[in-house]
């Protein structure tokens, strides 16, 4: 029983890490798009994404995906 619990925890952790890596890639792409279009620094681009996320009450990765999709 203990091994099954450890295995389930490891699988969940792996899934969470995979999602985080995919999210980070989309966020970095969106930062690049914003840096080019707004002529800003990476920090300012991330701030822009964060504000947009908070104002729309949506996850940052979803806002970033929209930015990338609407090139």
PDB file of N, CA and C in Angstrom:
ATOM      1  N   UNK A   1       0.819  -1.187   0.000  1.00  0.00           N
ATOM      2  CA  UNK A   1       0.000   0.000   0.000  1.00  0.00           C
ATOM      3  C   UNK A   1       0.868   1.258   0.000  1.00  0.00           C
ATOM      4  N   UNK A   2       1.940   1.237   0.778  1.00  0.00           N
ATOM      5  CA  UNK A   2       2.823   2.391   0.846  1.00  0.00           C
ATOM      6  C   UNK A   2       3.500   2.636  -0.494  1.00  0.00           C
ATOM      7  N   UNK A   3       3.891   1.558  -1.176  1.00  0.00           N
ATOM      8  CA  UNK A   3       4.538   1.712  -2.483  1.00  0.00           C
ATOM      9  C   UNK A   3       3.590   2.337  -3.496  1.00  0.00           C
ATOM     10  N   UNK A   4       2.326   1.942  -3.437  1.00  0.00           N
ATOM     11  CA  UNK A   4       1.346   2.505  -4.357  1.00  0.00           C
ATOM     12  C   UNK A   4       1.179   4.006  -4.107  1.00  0.00           C
ATOM     13  N   UNK A   5       1.147   4.395  -2.857  1.00  0.00           N
ATOM     14  CA  UNK A   5       1.021   5.810  -2.512  1.00  0.00           C
ATOM     15  C   UNK A   5       2.226   6.601  -3.008  1.00  0.00           C
ATOM     16  N   UNK A   6       3.417   6.057  -2.814  1.00  0.00           N
ATOM     17  CA  UNK A   6       4.631   6.722  -3.309  1.00  0.00           C
ATOM     18  C   UNK A   6       4.621   6.825  -4.826  1.00  0.00           C
ATOM     19  N   UNK A   7       4.193   5.744  -5.487  1.00  0.00           N
ATOM     20  CA  UNK A   7       4.130   5.741  -6.937  1.00  0.00           C
ATOM     21  C   UNK A   7       3.134   6.795  -7.430  1.00  0.00           C
ATOM     22  N   UNK A   8       1.955   6.858  -6.824  1.00  0.00           N
ATOM     23  CA  UNK A   8       0.936   7.825  -7.233  1.00  0.00           C
ATOM     24  C   UNK A   8       1.439   9.253  -7.029  1.00  0.00           C
ATOM     25  N   UNK A   9       2.148   9.483  -5.936  1.00  0.00           N
ATOM     26  CA  UNK A   9       2.709  10.805  -5.670  1.00  0.00           C
ATOM     27  C   UNK A   9       3.755  11.164  -6.723  1.00  0.00           C
ATOM     28  N   UNK A  10       4.595  10.203  -7.089  1.00  0.00           N
ATOM     29  CA  UNK A  10       5.633  10.441  -8.091  1.00  0.00           C
ATOM     30  C   UNK A  10       5.015  10.733  -9.459  1.00  0.00           C
ATOM     31  N   UNK A  11       3.968  10.010  -9.808  1.00  0.00           N
ATOM     32  CA  UNK A  11       3.293  10.233 -11.088  1.00  0.00           C
ATOM     33  C   UNK A  11       2.662  11.623 -11.110  1.00  0.00           C
ATOM     34  N   UNK A  12       1.999  11.997 -10.019  1.00  0.00           N
ATOM     35  CA  UNK A  12       1.373  13.321  -9.948  1.00  0.00           C
ATOM     36  C   UNK A  12       2.427  14.415 -10.046  1.00  0.00           C
ATOM     37  N   UNK A  13       3.550  14.235  -9.372  1.00  0.00           N
ATOM     38  CA  UNK A  13       4.632  15.216  -9.435  1.00  0.00           C
ATOM     39  C   UNK A  13       5.158  15.345 -10.857  1.00  0.00           C
ATOM     40  N   UNK A  14       5.333  14.225 -11.531  1.00  0.00           N
ATOM     41  CA  UNK A  14       5.794  14.247 -12.921  1.00  0.00           C
ATOM     42  C   UNK A  14       4.827  14.988 -13.826  1.00  0.00           C
ATOM     43  N   UNK A  15       3.536  14.733 -13.634  1.00  0.00           N
ATOM     44  CA  UNK A  15       2.522  15.435 -14.436  1.00  0.00           C
ATOM     45  C   UNK A  15       2.552  16.935 -14.175  1.00  0.00           C
ATOM     46  N   UNK A  16       2.683  17.304 -12.909  1.00  0.00           N
ATOM     47  CA  UNK A  16       2.743  18.727 -12.557  1.00  0.00           C
ATOM     48  C   UNK A  16       3.978  19.400 -13.145  1.00  0.00           C
ATOM     49  N   UNK A  17       5.105  18.720 -13.112  1.00  0.00           N
ATOM     50  CA  UNK A  17       6.336  19.286 -13.686  1.00  0.00           C
ATOM     51  C   UNK A  17       6.213  19.444 -15.194  1.00  0.00           C
ATOM     52  N   UNK A  18       5.602  18.465 -15.850  1.00  0.00           N
ATOM     53  CA  UNK A  18       5.418  18.533 -17.299  1.00  0.00           C
ATOM     54  C   UNK A  18       4.536  19.734 -17.652  1.00  0.00           C
ATOM     55  N   UNK A  19       3.449  19.914 -16.910  1.00  0.00           N
ATOM     56  CA  UNK A  19       2.558  21.055 -17.147  1.00  0.00           C
ATOM     57  C   UNK A  19       3.288  22.372 -16.915  1.00  0.00           C
ATOM     58  N   UNK A  20       4.084  22.425 -15.854  1.00  0.00           N
ATOM     59  CA  UNK A  20       4.836  23.648 -15.544  1.00  0.00           C
ATOM     60  C   UNK A  20       5.826  23.985 -16.653  1.00  0.00           C
ATOM     61  N   UNK A  21       6.506  22.981 -17.177  1.00  0.00           N
ATOM     62  CA  UNK A  21       7.476  23.225 -18.250  1.00  0.00           C
ATOM     63  C   UNK A  21       6.778  23.715 -19.514  1.00  0.00           C
ATOM     64  N   UNK A  22       5.641  23.118 -19.839  1.00  0.00           N
ATOM     65  CA  UNK A  22       4.897  23.558 -21.017  1.00  0.00           C
ATOM     66  C   UNK A  22       4.384  24.982 -20.824  1.00  0.00           C
ATOM     67  N   UNK A  23       3.891  25.266 -19.628  1.00  0.00           N
ATOM     68  CA  UNK A  23       3.392  26.609 -19.334  1.00  0.00           C
ATOM     69  C   UNK A  23       4.512  27.635 -19.443  1.00  0.00           C
ATOM     70  N   UNK A  24       5.672  27.289 -18.904  1.00  0.00           N
ATOM     71  CA  UNK A  24       6.804  28.220 -18.928  1.00  0.00           C
ATOM     72  C   UNK A  24       7.214  28.539 -20.357  1.00  0.00           C
ATOM     73  N   UNK A  25       7.193  27.532 -21.227  1.00  0.00           N
ATOM     74  CA  UNK A  25       7.568  27.765 -22.622  1.00  0.00           C
ATOM     75  C   UNK A  25       6.612  28.756 -23.281  1.00  0.00           C
ATOM     76  N   UNK A  26       5.323  28.595 -23.046  1.00  0.00           N
ATOM     77  CA  UNK A  26       4.327  29.503 -23.638  1.00  0.00           C
ATOM     78  C   UNK A  26       4.494  30.908 -23.066  1.00  0.00           C
ATOM     79  N   UNK A  27       4.749  30.997 -21.771  1.00  0.00           N
ATOM     80  CA  UNK A  27       4.927  32.304 -21.135  1.00  0.00           C
ATOM     81  C   UNK A  27       6.152  33.001 -21.706  1.00  0.00           C
ATOM     82  N   UNK A  28       7.240  32.271 -21.900  1.00  0.00           N
ATOM     83  CA  UNK A  28       8.451  32.874 -22.472  1.00  0.00           C
ATOM     84  C   UNK A  28       8.217  33.324 -23.912  1.00  0.00           C
ATOM     85  N   UNK A  29       7.460  32.543 -24.675  1.00  0.00           N
ATOM     86  CA  UNK A  29       7.138  32.952 -26.046  1.00  0.00           C
ATOM     87  C   UNK A  29       6.323  34.243 -26.040  1.00  0.00           C
ATOM     88  N   UNK A  30       5.344  34.316 -25.149  1.00  0.00           N
ATOM     89  CA  UNK A  30       4.515  35.513 -25.059  1.00  0.00           C
ATOM     90  C   UNK A  30       5.346  36.717 -24.630  1.00  0.00           C
ATOM     91  N   UNK A  31       6.274  36.499 -23.715  1.00  0.00           N
ATOM     92  CA  UNK A  31       7.169  37.588 -23.314  1.00  0.00           C
ATOM     93  C   UNK A  31       7.941  38.101 -24.517  1.00  0.00           C
ATOM     94  N   UNK A  32       8.430  37.203 -25.339  1.00  0.00           N
ATOM     95  CA  UNK A  32       9.166  37.604 -26.536  1.00  0.00           C
ATOM     96  C   UNK A  32       8.312  38.414 -27.487  1.00  0.00           C
ATOM     97  N   UNK A  33       7.073  37.988 -27.675  1.00  0.00           N
ATOM     98  CA  UNK A  33       6.148  38.719 -28.542  1.00  0.00           C
ATOM     99  C   UNK A  33       5.926  40.129 -28.001  1.00  0.00           C
ATOM    100  N   UNK A  34       5.685  40.216 -26.693  1.00  0.00           N
ATOM    101  CA  UNK A  34       5.433  41.529 -26.085  1.00  0.00           C
ATOM    102  C   UNK A  34       6.678  42.412 -26.111  1.00  0.00           C
ATOM    103  N   UNK A  35       7.844  41.814 -25.895  1.00  0.00           N
ATOM    104  CA  UNK A  35       9.084  42.597 -25.940  1.00  0.00           C
ATOM    105  C   UNK A  35       9.272  43.211 -27.321  1.00  0.00           C
ATOM    106  N   UNK A  36       8.962  42.440 -28.354  1.00  0.00           N
ATOM    107  CA  UNK A  36       9.123  42.944 -29.718  1.00  0.00           C
ATOM    108  C   UNK A  36       8.078  43.996 -30.054  1.00  0.00           C
ATOM    109  N   UNK A  37       6.843  43.765 -29.639  1.00  0.00           N
ATOM    110  CA  UNK A  37       5.788  44.693 -30.027  1.00  0.00           C
ATOM    111  C   UNK A  37       5.735  45.943 -29.149  1.00  0.00           C
ATOM    112  N   UNK A  38       6.081  45.808 -27.875  1.00  0.00           N
ATOM    113  CA  UNK A  38       6.020  46.955 -26.963  1.00  0.00           C
ATOM    114  C   UNK A  38       7.388  47.601 -26.722  1.00  0.00           C
ATOM    115  N   UNK A  39       8.432  46.992 -27.280  1.00  0.00           N
ATOM    116  CA  UNK A  39       9.799  47.471 -27.089  1.00  0.00           C
ATOM    117  C   UNK A  39      10.109  47.636 -25.593  1.00  0.00           C
ATOM    118  N   UNK A  40       9.943  46.519 -24.859  1.00  0.00           N
ATOM    119  CA  UNK A  40      10.148  46.571 -23.417  1.00  0.00           C
ATOM    120  C   UNK A  40      11.121  45.467 -22.979  1.00  0.00           C
ATOM    121  N   UNK A  41      11.462  45.491 -21.719  1.00  0.00           N
ATOM    122  CA  UNK A  41      12.365  44.488 -21.147  1.00  0.00           C
ATOM    123  C   UNK A  41      11.578  43.214 -20.829  1.00  0.00           C
ATOM    124  N   UNK A  42      12.288  42.113 -20.588  1.00  0.00           N
ATOM    125  CA  UNK A  42      11.594  40.876 -20.198  1.00  0.00           C
ATOM    126  C   UNK A  42      10.768  41.050 -18.926  1.00  0.00           C
ATOM    127  N   UNK A  43      11.281  41.807 -17.991  1.00  0.00           N
ATOM    128  CA  UNK A  43      10.546  42.031 -16.743  1.00  0.00           C
ATOM    129  C   UNK A  43       9.250  42.805 -16.998  1.00  0.00           C
ATOM    130  N   UNK A  44       9.320  43.809 -17.852  1.00  0.00           N
ATOM    131  CA  UNK A  44       8.132  44.594 -18.176  1.00  0.00           C
ATOM    132  C   UNK A  44       7.110  43.748 -18.938  1.00  0.00           C
ATOM    133  N   UNK A  45       7.593  42.888 -19.816  1.00  0.00           N
ATOM    134  CA  UNK A  45       6.693  42.002 -20.558  1.00  0.00           C
ATOM    135  C   UNK A  45       5.970  41.051 -19.603  1.00  0.00           C
ATOM    136  N   UNK A  46       6.705  40.511 -18.627  1.00  0.00           N
ATOM    137  CA  UNK A  46       6.089  39.618 -17.653  1.00  0.00           C
ATOM    138  C   UNK A  46       5.071  40.381 -16.804  1.00  0.00           C
ATOM    139  N   UNK A  47       5.397  41.600 -16.428  1.00  0.00           N
ATOM    140  CA  UNK A  47       4.458  42.436 -15.670  1.00  0.00           C
ATOM    141  C   UNK A  47       3.175  42.664 -16.472  1.00  0.00           C
ATOM    142  N   UNK A  48       3.346  42.917 -17.762  1.00  0.00           N
ATOM    143  CA  UNK A  48       2.196  43.140 -18.633  1.00  0.00           C
ATOM    144  C   UNK A  48       1.307  41.897 -18.659  1.00  0.00           C
ATOM    145  N   UNK A  49       1.926  40.725 -18.802  1.00  0.00           N
ATOM    146  CA  UNK A  49       1.166  39.474 -18.789  1.00  0.00           C
ATOM    147  C   UNK A  49       0.470  39.268 -17.448  1.00  0.00           C
ATOM    148  N   UNK A  50       1.178  39.541 -16.368  1.00  0.00           N
ATOM    149  CA  UNK A  50       0.608  39.362 -15.029  1.00  0.00           C
ATOM    150  C   UNK A  50      -0.599  40.262 -14.810  1.00  0.00           C
ATOM    151  N   UNK A  51      -0.471  41.512 -15.203  1.00  0.00           N
ATOM    152  CA  UNK A  51      -1.591  42.445 -15.051  1.00  0.00           C
ATOM    153  C   UNK A  51      -2.795  42.012 -15.882  1.00  0.00           C
ATOM    154  N   UNK A  52      -2.519  41.587 -17.101  1.00  0.00           N
ATOM    155  CA  UNK A  52      -3.602  41.122 -17.971  1.00  0.00           C
ATOM    156  C   UNK A  52      -4.288  39.903 -17.365  1.00  0.00           C
ATOM    157  N   UNK A  53      -3.492  39.025 -16.783  1.00  0.00           N
ATOM    158  CA  UNK A  53      -4.021  37.822 -16.129  1.00  0.00           C
ATOM    159  C   UNK A  53      -4.910  38.191 -14.947  1.00  0.00           C
ATOM    160  N   UNK A  54      -4.428  39.107 -14.121  1.00  0.00           N
ATOM    161  CA  UNK A  54      -5.192  39.506 -12.944  1.00  0.00           C
ATOM    162  C   UNK A  54      -6.478  40.240 -13.313  1.00  0.00           C
ATOM    163  N   UNK A  55      -6.397  41.113 -14.278  1.00  0.00           N
ATOM    164  CA  UNK A  55      -7.572  41.904 -14.670  1.00  0.00           C
ATOM    165  C   UNK A  55      -8.654  41.046 -15.320  1.00  0.00           C
ATOM    166  N   UNK A  56      -8.233  40.000 -16.024  1.00  0.00           N
ATOM    167  CA  UNK A  56      -9.205  39.135 -16.692  1.00  0.00           C
ATOM    168  C   UNK A  56      -9.574  37.919 -15.844  1.00  0.00           C
ATOM    169  N   UNK A  57      -8.920  37.783 -14.681  1.00  0.00           N
ATOM    170  CA  UNK A  57      -9.159  36.653 -13.780  1.00  0.00           C
ATOM    171  C   UNK A  57      -8.950  35.314 -14.493  1.00  0.00           C
ATOM    172  N   UNK A  58      -7.850  35.256 -15.247  1.00  0.00           N
ATOM    173  CA  UNK A  58      -7.488  34.042 -15.984  1.00  0.00           C
ATOM    174  C   UNK A  58      -6.071  33.651 -15.607  1.00  0.00           C
ATOM    175  N   UNK A  59      -5.745  32.397 -15.812  1.00  0.00           N
ATOM    176  CA  UNK A  59      -4.398  31.928 -15.506  1.00  0.00           C
ATOM    177  C   UNK A  59      -3.397  32.574 -16.455  1.00  0.00           C
ATOM    178  N   UNK A  60      -2.215  32.804 -15.926  1.00  0.00           N
ATOM    179  CA  UNK A  60      -1.158  33.449 -16.706  1.00  0.00           C
ATOM    180  C   UNK A  60      -0.853  32.658 -17.973  1.00  0.00           C
ATOM    181  N   UNK A  61      -0.798  31.341 -17.856  1.00  0.00           N
ATOM    182  CA  UNK A  61      -0.480  30.521 -19.034  1.00  0.00           C
ATOM    183  C   UNK A  61      -1.537  30.650 -20.112  1.00  0.00           C
ATOM    184  N   UNK A  62      -2.819  30.844 -19.725  1.00  0.00           N
ATOM    185  CA  UNK A  62      -3.881  31.007 -20.714  1.00  0.00           C
ATOM    186  C   UNK A  62      -3.787  32.359 -21.416  1.00  0.00           C
ATOM    187  N   UNK A  63      -3.460  33.390 -20.655  1.00  0.00           N
ATOM    188  CA  UNK A  63      -3.259  34.717 -21.251  1.00  0.00           C
ATOM    189  C   UNK A  63      -2.068  34.682 -22.203  1.00  0.00           C
ATOM    190  N   UNK A  64      -0.995  34.024 -21.777  1.00  0.00           N
ATOM    191  CA  UNK A  64       0.200  33.908 -22.628  1.00  0.00           C
ATOM    192  C   UNK A  64      -0.119  33.148 -23.902  1.00  0.00           C
ATOM    193  N   UNK A  65      -0.897  32.087 -23.798  1.00  0.00           N
ATOM    194  CA  UNK A  65      -1.263  31.309 -24.981  1.00  0.00           C
ATOM    195  C   UNK A  65      -2.059  32.167 -25.962  1.00  0.00           C
ATOM    196  N   UNK A  66      -2.935  33.021 -25.449  1.00  0.00           N
ATOM    197  CA  UNK A  66      -3.686  33.933 -26.327  1.00  0.00           C
ATOM    198  C   UNK A  66      -2.767  34.913 -27.047  1.00  0.00           C
ATOM    199  N   UNK A  67      -1.784  35.437 -26.323  1.00  0.00           N
ATOM    200  CA  UNK A  67      -0.834  36.381 -26.927  1.00  0.00           C
ATOM    201  C   UNK A  67      -0.081  35.702 -28.062  1.00  0.00           C
ATOM    202  N   UNK A  68       0.376  34.484 -27.833  1.00  0.00           N
ATOM    203  CA  UNK A  68       1.128  33.754 -28.851  1.00  0.00           C
ATOM    204  C   UNK A  68       0.227  33.393 -30.036  1.00  0.00           C
ATOM    205  N   UNK A  69      -1.003  32.999 -29.749  1.00  0.00           N
ATOM    206  CA  UNK A  69      -1.929  32.598 -30.814  1.00  0.00           C
ATOM    207  C   UNK A  69      -2.352  33.770 -31.697  1.00  0.00           C
ATOM    208  N   UNK A  70      -2.345  34.965 -31.131  1.00  0.00           N
ATOM    209  CA  UNK A  70      -2.811  36.153 -31.872  1.00  0.00           C
ATOM    210  C   UNK A  70      -1.672  36.962 -32.470  1.00  0.00           C
ATOM    211  N   UNK A  71      -0.628  36.292 -32.899  1.00  0.00           N
ATOM    212  CA  UNK A  71       0.506  37.003 -33.524  1.00  0.00           C
ATOM    213  C   UNK A  71       0.050  37.805 -34.685  1.00  0.00           C
TER     214      UNK A  71
END
